[in-house]
Amino acid sequence: MSTYIDTSALIAVLAEDDKFHGQAKEIWLELLEQKISLICNNYTLVETFSLIQSRYGLHILRKFQNLAVPALQISWLNAEEHNIAIESVLLANRRRLSLVDCSSFTTMRRLGIQKVFTFDKHFAEQGFKCVP
């Protein structure tokens, strides 16, 4: 079984000052213990790197790269999926729905993944099953 993992969950797992940290860390450990395939795409990874670096610095970024990234399976978007994600953003006509979110929806649909570890309400709006 596979679970998509969103930036909001990755940040919450790492950042002790995040309001969801305790819950996220518990879920992360449970998913690893159950040997669930944790998947994200390269856009989610870039967004996560950028946010960790700007908010917490390089020492936390190294921790993320060394401890979390090896547990992830990265799905790389191709040009067609990129264009689908851009079209989704433009069609949604919502300022707060990001290209990264739409790229995640595209990846999840392509891979047939229904479950996502996230604290972002946009995934539920798209019909995905969110953890927590």
N, C-alpha and C. Protein backbone atom coordinates (compact mmCIF):
# COMPACT_ATOMS: atom_id res chain seq x y z
N MET A 1 0.84 -1.18 0.00
CA MET A 1 0.00 0.00 0.00
C MET A 1 0.88 1.25 0.00
N SER A 2 0.40 2.30 -0.66
CA SER A 2 1.16 3.55 -0.75
C SER A 2 0.37 4.71 -0.16
N THR A 3 1.11 5.65 0.39
CA THR A 3 0.54 6.88 0.92
C THR A 3 1.36 8.04 0.37
N TYR A 4 0.67 9.02 -0.16
CA TYR A 4 1.35 10.23 -0.62
C TYR A 4 1.65 11.07 0.62
N ILE A 5 2.78 11.75 0.61
CA ILE A 5 3.12 12.62 1.74
C ILE A 5 3.32 14.04 1.22
N ASP A 6 2.61 14.96 1.84
CA ASP A 6 2.59 16.36 1.43
C ASP A 6 3.60 17.17 2.23
N THR A 7 3.94 18.33 1.69
CA THR A 7 4.87 19.25 2.35
C THR A 7 4.43 19.56 3.78
N SER A 8 3.15 19.78 3.98
CA SER A 8 2.67 20.14 5.33
C SER A 8 3.01 19.06 6.35
N ALA A 9 2.93 17.81 5.95
CA ALA A 9 3.26 16.71 6.85
C ALA A 9 4.77 16.60 7.05
N LEU A 10 5.53 16.75 6.00
CA LEU A 10 6.99 16.66 6.11
C LEU A 10 7.53 17.75 7.03
N ILE A 11 7.03 18.96 6.87
CA ILE A 11 7.46 20.07 7.74
C ILE A 11 7.06 19.77 9.18
N ALA A 12 5.83 19.32 9.39
CA ALA A 12 5.35 19.05 10.74
C ALA A 12 6.16 17.95 11.43
N VAL A 13 6.60 16.97 10.68
CA VAL A 13 7.41 15.89 11.25
C VAL A 13 8.74 16.44 11.78
N LEU A 14 9.34 17.34 11.03
CA LEU A 14 10.67 17.85 11.37
C LEU A 14 10.69 19.01 12.35
N ALA A 15 9.72 19.89 12.26
CA ALA A 15 9.76 21.15 12.99
C ALA A 15 9.05 21.03 14.34
N GLU A 16 9.83 21.06 15.38
CA GLU A 16 9.27 20.91 16.72
C GLU A 16 8.34 22.05 17.10
N ASP A 17 8.47 23.20 16.44
CA ASP A 17 7.59 24.33 16.74
C ASP A 17 6.31 24.32 15.91
N ASP A 18 6.16 23.35 15.03
CA ASP A 18 4.94 23.24 14.24
C ASP A 18 3.81 22.74 15.13
N LYS A 19 2.62 23.33 14.98
CA LYS A 19 1.49 22.96 15.85
C LYS A 19 1.06 21.50 15.67
N PHE A 20 1.42 20.89 14.54
CA PHE A 20 1.05 19.49 14.30
C PHE A 20 2.21 18.52 14.55
N HIS A 21 3.32 19.00 15.11
CA HIS A 21 4.53 18.18 15.22
C HIS A 21 4.30 16.85 15.94
N GLY A 22 3.71 16.89 17.12
CA GLY A 22 3.52 15.65 17.89
C GLY A 22 2.71 14.62 17.13
N GLN A 23 1.62 15.06 16.58
CA GLN A 23 0.74 14.19 15.80
C GLN A 23 1.45 13.68 14.54
N ALA A 24 2.15 14.57 13.87
CA ALA A 24 2.84 14.19 12.64
C ALA A 24 3.95 13.18 12.89
N LYS A 25 4.71 13.40 13.94
CA LYS A 25 5.81 12.48 14.27
C LYS A 25 5.27 11.09 14.58
N GLU A 26 4.17 11.04 15.31
CA GLU A 26 3.54 9.76 15.66
C GLU A 26 3.07 9.03 14.39
N ILE A 27 2.43 9.75 13.48
CA ILE A 27 1.94 9.15 12.23
C ILE A 27 3.12 8.69 11.37
N TRP A 28 4.15 9.53 11.26
CA TRP A 28 5.35 9.19 10.48
C TRP A 28 5.95 7.87 10.96
N LEU A 29 6.15 7.76 12.27
CA LEU A 29 6.74 6.54 12.82
C LEU A 29 5.85 5.32 12.58
N GLU A 30 4.55 5.52 12.69
CA GLU A 30 3.59 4.43 12.44
C GLU A 30 3.65 3.98 10.97
N LEU A 31 3.71 4.92 10.05
CA LEU A 31 3.79 4.58 8.63
C LEU A 31 5.09 3.84 8.32
N LEU A 32 6.19 4.29 8.91
CA LEU A 32 7.46 3.60 8.70
C LEU A 32 7.43 2.19 9.30
N GLU A 33 6.86 2.07 10.48
CA GLU A 33 6.78 0.76 11.14
C GLU A 33 5.95 -0.22 10.31
N GLN A 34 4.90 0.29 9.69
CA GLN A 34 4.02 -0.55 8.87
C GLN A 34 4.58 -0.79 7.47
N LYS A 35 5.76 -0.19 7.19
CA LYS A 35 6.42 -0.33 5.90
C LYS A 35 5.54 0.14 4.74
N ILE A 36 4.79 1.22 4.99
CA ILE A 36 3.97 1.84 3.96
C ILE A 36 4.91 2.59 3.01
N SER A 37 4.68 2.47 1.71
CA SER A 37 5.46 3.23 0.73
C SER A 37 5.04 4.69 0.81
N LEU A 38 5.99 5.56 1.14
CA LEU A 38 5.73 7.00 1.25
C LEU A 38 6.19 7.66 -0.03
N ILE A 39 5.25 8.23 -0.76
CA ILE A 39 5.53 8.78 -2.08
C ILE A 39 5.26 10.27 -2.09
N CYS A 40 6.15 11.01 -2.73
CA CYS A 40 5.88 12.41 -3.06
C CYS A 40 6.48 12.66 -4.42
N ASN A 41 6.11 13.77 -5.02
CA ASN A 41 6.73 14.08 -6.30
C ASN A 41 7.84 15.10 -6.12
N ASN A 42 8.57 15.36 -7.19
CA ASN A 42 9.71 16.26 -7.10
C ASN A 42 9.29 17.70 -6.79
N TYR A 43 8.07 18.10 -7.15
CA TYR A 43 7.61 19.45 -6.81
C TYR A 43 7.41 19.58 -5.31
N THR A 44 6.84 18.56 -4.69
CA THR A 44 6.66 18.56 -3.24
C THR A 44 8.02 18.61 -2.55
N LEU A 45 8.96 17.86 -3.07
CA LEU A 45 10.30 17.84 -2.49
C LEU A 45 10.97 19.22 -2.60
N VAL A 46 10.86 19.87 -3.75
CA VAL A 46 11.44 21.20 -3.92
C VAL A 46 10.78 22.20 -2.97
N GLU A 47 9.46 22.15 -2.87
CA GLU A 47 8.75 23.05 -1.95
C GLU A 47 9.19 22.82 -0.51
N THR A 48 9.32 21.57 -0.12
CA THR A 48 9.73 21.24 1.24
C THR A 48 11.15 21.73 1.52
N PHE A 49 12.06 21.48 0.59
CA PHE A 49 13.44 21.96 0.74
C PHE A 49 13.47 23.47 0.93
N SER A 50 12.74 24.16 0.09
CA SER A 50 12.73 25.62 0.13
C SER A 50 12.20 26.15 1.46
N LEU A 51 11.10 25.59 1.93
CA LEU A 51 10.51 26.04 3.19
C LEU A 51 11.39 25.71 4.39
N ILE A 52 11.96 24.53 4.40
CA ILE A 52 12.84 24.16 5.52
C ILE A 52 14.06 25.08 5.54
N GLN A 53 14.67 25.29 4.39
CA GLN A 53 15.87 26.13 4.33
C GLN A 53 15.57 27.55 4.80
N SER A 54 14.46 28.13 4.33
CA SER A 54 14.16 29.53 4.69
C SER A 54 13.67 29.68 6.12
N ARG A 55 12.91 28.70 6.63
CA ARG A 55 12.36 28.82 7.98
C ARG A 55 13.29 28.32 9.07
N TYR A 56 14.05 27.26 8.79
CA TYR A 56 14.79 26.58 9.85
C TYR A 56 16.31 26.52 9.64
N GLY A 57 16.76 26.75 8.43
CA GLY A 57 18.18 26.76 8.17
C GLY A 57 18.73 25.46 7.61
N LEU A 58 20.02 25.52 7.30
CA LEU A 58 20.66 24.39 6.65
C LEU A 58 20.85 23.18 7.55
N HIS A 59 20.99 23.38 8.86
CA HIS A 59 21.17 22.22 9.74
C HIS A 59 19.92 21.34 9.75
N ILE A 60 18.74 21.94 9.70
CA ILE A 60 17.50 21.16 9.64
C ILE A 60 17.32 20.59 8.23
N LEU A 61 17.75 21.34 7.22
CA LEU A 61 17.68 20.83 5.85
C LEU A 61 18.54 19.58 5.69
N ARG A 62 19.73 19.60 6.29
CA ARG A 62 20.59 18.40 6.25
C ARG A 62 19.92 17.22 6.97
N LYS A 63 19.29 17.51 8.09
CA LYS A 63 18.57 16.47 8.83
C LYS A 63 17.46 15.87 7.95
N PHE A 64 16.73 16.73 7.27
CA PHE A 64 15.68 16.27 6.35
C PHE A 64 16.28 15.41 5.25
N GLN A 65 17.34 15.88 4.62
CA GLN A 65 17.97 15.15 3.51
C GLN A 65 18.51 13.80 3.98
N ASN A 66 19.10 13.75 5.16
CA ASN A 66 19.73 12.52 5.64
C ASN A 66 18.77 11.53 6.28
N LEU A 67 17.71 12.03 6.91
CA LEU A 67 16.81 11.14 7.66
C LEU A 67 15.48 10.89 6.96
N ALA A 68 14.90 11.90 6.36
CA ALA A 68 13.56 11.74 5.79
C ALA A 68 13.58 11.35 4.32
N VAL A 69 14.39 12.02 3.52
CA VAL A 69 14.38 11.77 2.08
C VAL A 69 14.65 10.30 1.73
N PRO A 70 15.58 9.62 2.41
CA PRO A 70 15.79 8.20 2.07
C PRO A 70 14.55 7.32 2.28
N ALA A 71 13.61 7.76 3.09
CA ALA A 71 12.39 6.98 3.33
C ALA A 71 11.32 7.24 2.28
N LEU A 72 11.57 8.19 1.38
CA LEU A 72 10.58 8.59 0.39
C LEU A 72 10.86 7.98 -0.97
N GLN A 73 9.78 7.69 -1.69
CA GLN A 73 9.88 7.34 -3.10
C GLN A 73 9.47 8.59 -3.88
N ILE A 74 10.34 9.08 -4.74
CA ILE A 74 10.09 10.30 -5.47
C ILE A 74 9.55 9.96 -6.86
N SER A 75 8.39 10.52 -7.18
CA SER A 75 7.81 10.38 -8.51
C SER A 75 8.08 11.68 -9.26
N TRP A 76 8.76 11.58 -10.40
CA TRP A 76 9.17 12.76 -11.15
C TRP A 76 8.12 13.12 -12.18
N LEU A 77 7.67 14.38 -12.16
CA LEU A 77 6.70 14.85 -13.14
C LEU A 77 7.36 15.01 -14.49
N ASN A 78 6.64 14.61 -15.53
CA ASN A 78 7.10 14.86 -16.89
C ASN A 78 6.39 16.11 -17.42
N ALA A 79 6.68 16.49 -18.64
CA ALA A 79 6.12 17.72 -19.22
C ALA A 79 4.60 17.68 -19.28
N GLU A 80 4.05 16.54 -19.64
CA GLU A 80 2.58 16.42 -19.73
C GLU A 80 1.93 16.61 -18.36
N GLU A 81 2.50 15.99 -17.33
CA GLU A 81 1.95 16.13 -15.98
C GLU A 81 2.10 17.56 -15.46
N HIS A 82 3.21 18.19 -15.80
CA HIS A 82 3.41 19.59 -15.45
C HIS A 82 2.30 20.45 -16.06
N ASN A 83 2.03 20.22 -17.33
CA ASN A 83 0.99 20.98 -18.02
C ASN A 83 -0.40 20.71 -17.45
N ILE A 84 -0.67 19.48 -17.06
CA ILE A 84 -1.96 19.15 -16.43
C ILE A 84 -2.08 19.90 -15.11
N ALA A 85 -1.02 19.95 -14.33
CA ALA A 85 -1.04 20.65 -13.04
C ALA A 85 -1.27 22.15 -13.26
N ILE A 86 -0.60 22.74 -14.24
CA ILE A 86 -0.79 24.17 -14.52
C ILE A 86 -2.23 24.43 -14.96
N GLU A 87 -2.75 23.58 -15.82
CA GLU A 87 -4.13 23.73 -16.27
C GLU A 87 -5.09 23.63 -15.09
N SER A 88 -4.81 22.74 -14.17
CA SER A 88 -5.65 22.58 -12.98
C SER A 88 -5.67 23.84 -12.12
N VAL A 89 -4.51 24.46 -11.95
CA VAL A 89 -4.44 25.71 -11.19
C VAL A 89 -5.28 26.78 -11.86
N LEU A 90 -5.10 26.92 -13.15
CA LEU A 90 -5.81 27.98 -13.88
C LEU A 90 -7.32 27.73 -13.92
N LEU A 91 -7.73 26.48 -14.10
CA LEU A 91 -9.15 26.15 -14.12
C LEU A 91 -9.81 26.34 -12.76
N ALA A 92 -9.07 26.03 -11.70
CA ALA A 92 -9.63 26.17 -10.35
C ALA A 92 -9.89 27.63 -10.01
N ASN A 93 -9.07 28.51 -10.58
CA ASN A 93 -9.24 29.95 -10.37
C ASN A 93 -9.30 30.32 -8.89
N ARG A 94 -8.40 29.70 -8.12
CA ARG A 94 -8.32 29.93 -6.68
C ARG A 94 -6.91 30.34 -6.34
N ARG A 95 -6.77 31.47 -5.71
CA ARG A 95 -5.45 32.01 -5.41
C ARG A 95 -4.63 31.10 -4.49
N ARG A 96 -5.24 30.45 -3.55
CA ARG A 96 -4.52 29.66 -2.56
C ARG A 96 -4.32 28.18 -2.94
N LEU A 97 -4.75 27.80 -4.11
CA LEU A 97 -4.50 26.43 -4.59
C LEU A 97 -3.23 26.48 -5.44
N SER A 98 -2.18 25.84 -4.94
CA SER A 98 -0.85 26.00 -5.55
C SER A 98 -0.59 25.00 -6.67
N LEU A 99 0.41 25.33 -7.47
CA LEU A 99 0.88 24.43 -8.50
C LEU A 99 1.40 23.13 -7.87
N VAL A 100 2.04 23.23 -6.72
CA VAL A 100 2.55 22.03 -6.05
C VAL A 100 1.39 21.13 -5.63
N ASP A 101 0.33 21.72 -5.08
CA ASP A 101 -0.85 20.91 -4.72
C ASP A 101 -1.42 20.22 -5.96
N CYS A 102 -1.59 20.98 -7.03
CA CYS A 102 -2.16 20.39 -8.25
C CYS A 102 -1.24 19.34 -8.85
N SER A 103 0.07 19.53 -8.72
CA SER A 103 1.00 18.50 -9.20
C SER A 103 0.87 17.24 -8.35
N SER A 104 0.63 17.41 -7.06
CA SER A 104 0.42 16.26 -6.18
C SER A 104 -0.84 15.49 -6.56
N PHE A 105 -1.92 16.22 -6.84
CA PHE A 105 -3.17 15.56 -7.26
C PHE A 105 -2.94 14.78 -8.55
N THR A 106 -2.20 15.37 -9.47
CA THR A 106 -1.90 14.71 -10.75
C THR A 106 -1.11 13.43 -10.52
N THR A 107 -0.10 13.51 -9.67
CA THR A 107 0.72 12.33 -9.36
C THR A 107 -0.11 11.25 -8.69
N MET A 108 -0.91 11.65 -7.71
CA MET A 108 -1.73 10.67 -6.99
C MET A 108 -2.70 9.96 -7.93
N ARG A 109 -3.32 10.71 -8.81
CA ARG A 109 -4.27 10.10 -9.76
C ARG A 109 -3.54 9.16 -10.72
N ARG A 110 -2.38 9.58 -11.21
CA ARG A 110 -1.61 8.73 -12.14
C ARG A 110 -1.21 7.42 -11.48
N LEU A 111 -0.81 7.50 -10.21
CA LEU A 111 -0.34 6.30 -9.50
C LEU A 111 -1.46 5.53 -8.80
N GLY A 112 -2.67 6.06 -8.83
CA GLY A 112 -3.81 5.39 -8.18
C GLY A 112 -3.74 5.45 -6.67
N ILE A 113 -3.14 6.49 -6.11
CA ILE A 113 -3.01 6.64 -4.66
C ILE A 113 -4.21 7.43 -4.14
N GLN A 114 -4.89 6.89 -3.15
CA GLN A 114 -6.05 7.56 -2.57
C GLN A 114 -5.79 8.17 -1.20
N LYS A 115 -4.73 7.74 -0.55
CA LYS A 115 -4.45 8.16 0.83
C LYS A 115 -3.28 9.13 0.85
N VAL A 116 -3.42 10.20 1.66
CA VAL A 116 -2.38 11.21 1.74
C VAL A 116 -2.17 11.64 3.19
N PHE A 117 -0.92 11.73 3.59
CA PHE A 117 -0.52 12.24 4.90
C PHE A 117 -0.33 13.74 4.71
N THR A 118 -1.26 14.52 5.24
CA THR A 118 -1.26 15.96 5.01
C THR A 118 -2.05 16.69 6.09
N PHE A 119 -1.77 17.96 6.20
CA PHE A 119 -2.56 18.86 7.04
C PHE A 119 -3.19 19.94 6.17
N ASP A 120 -3.23 19.71 4.87
CA ASP A 120 -3.74 20.64 3.87
C ASP A 120 -5.13 20.20 3.43
N LYS A 121 -6.12 21.04 3.62
CA LYS A 121 -7.52 20.71 3.32
C LYS A 121 -7.79 20.53 1.82
N HIS A 122 -6.92 21.00 0.97
CA HIS A 122 -7.16 20.89 -0.47
C HIS A 122 -7.23 19.44 -0.95
N PHE A 123 -6.52 18.55 -0.28
CA PHE A 123 -6.54 17.15 -0.68
C PHE A 123 -7.92 16.52 -0.43
N ALA A 124 -8.53 16.83 0.70
CA ALA A 124 -9.88 16.33 1.00
C ALA A 124 -10.89 16.89 -0.01
N GLU A 125 -10.72 18.16 -0.38
CA GLU A 125 -11.61 18.78 -1.37
C GLU A 125 -11.54 18.06 -2.70
N GLN A 126 -10.41 17.43 -2.99
CA GLN A 126 -10.22 16.69 -4.23
C GLN A 126 -10.68 15.23 -4.12
N GLY A 127 -11.17 14.85 -2.95
CA GLY A 127 -11.69 13.50 -2.76
C GLY A 127 -10.71 12.48 -2.26
N PHE A 128 -9.53 12.91 -1.82
CA PHE A 128 -8.54 11.98 -1.28
C PHE A 128 -8.78 11.74 0.20
N LYS A 129 -8.38 10.57 0.67
CA LYS A 129 -8.50 10.23 2.08
C LYS A 129 -7.28 10.77 2.81
N CYS A 130 -7.50 11.68 3.76
CA CYS A 130 -6.41 12.35 4.45
C CYS A 130 -6.10 11.72 5.80
N VAL A 131 -4.83 11.60 6.09
CA VAL A 131 -4.33 11.16 7.38
C VAL A 131 -3.59 12.36 7.95
N PRO A 132 -3.86 12.90 9.06
CA PRO A 132 -4.87 12.40 10.02
C PRO A 132 -6.28 12.70 9.58
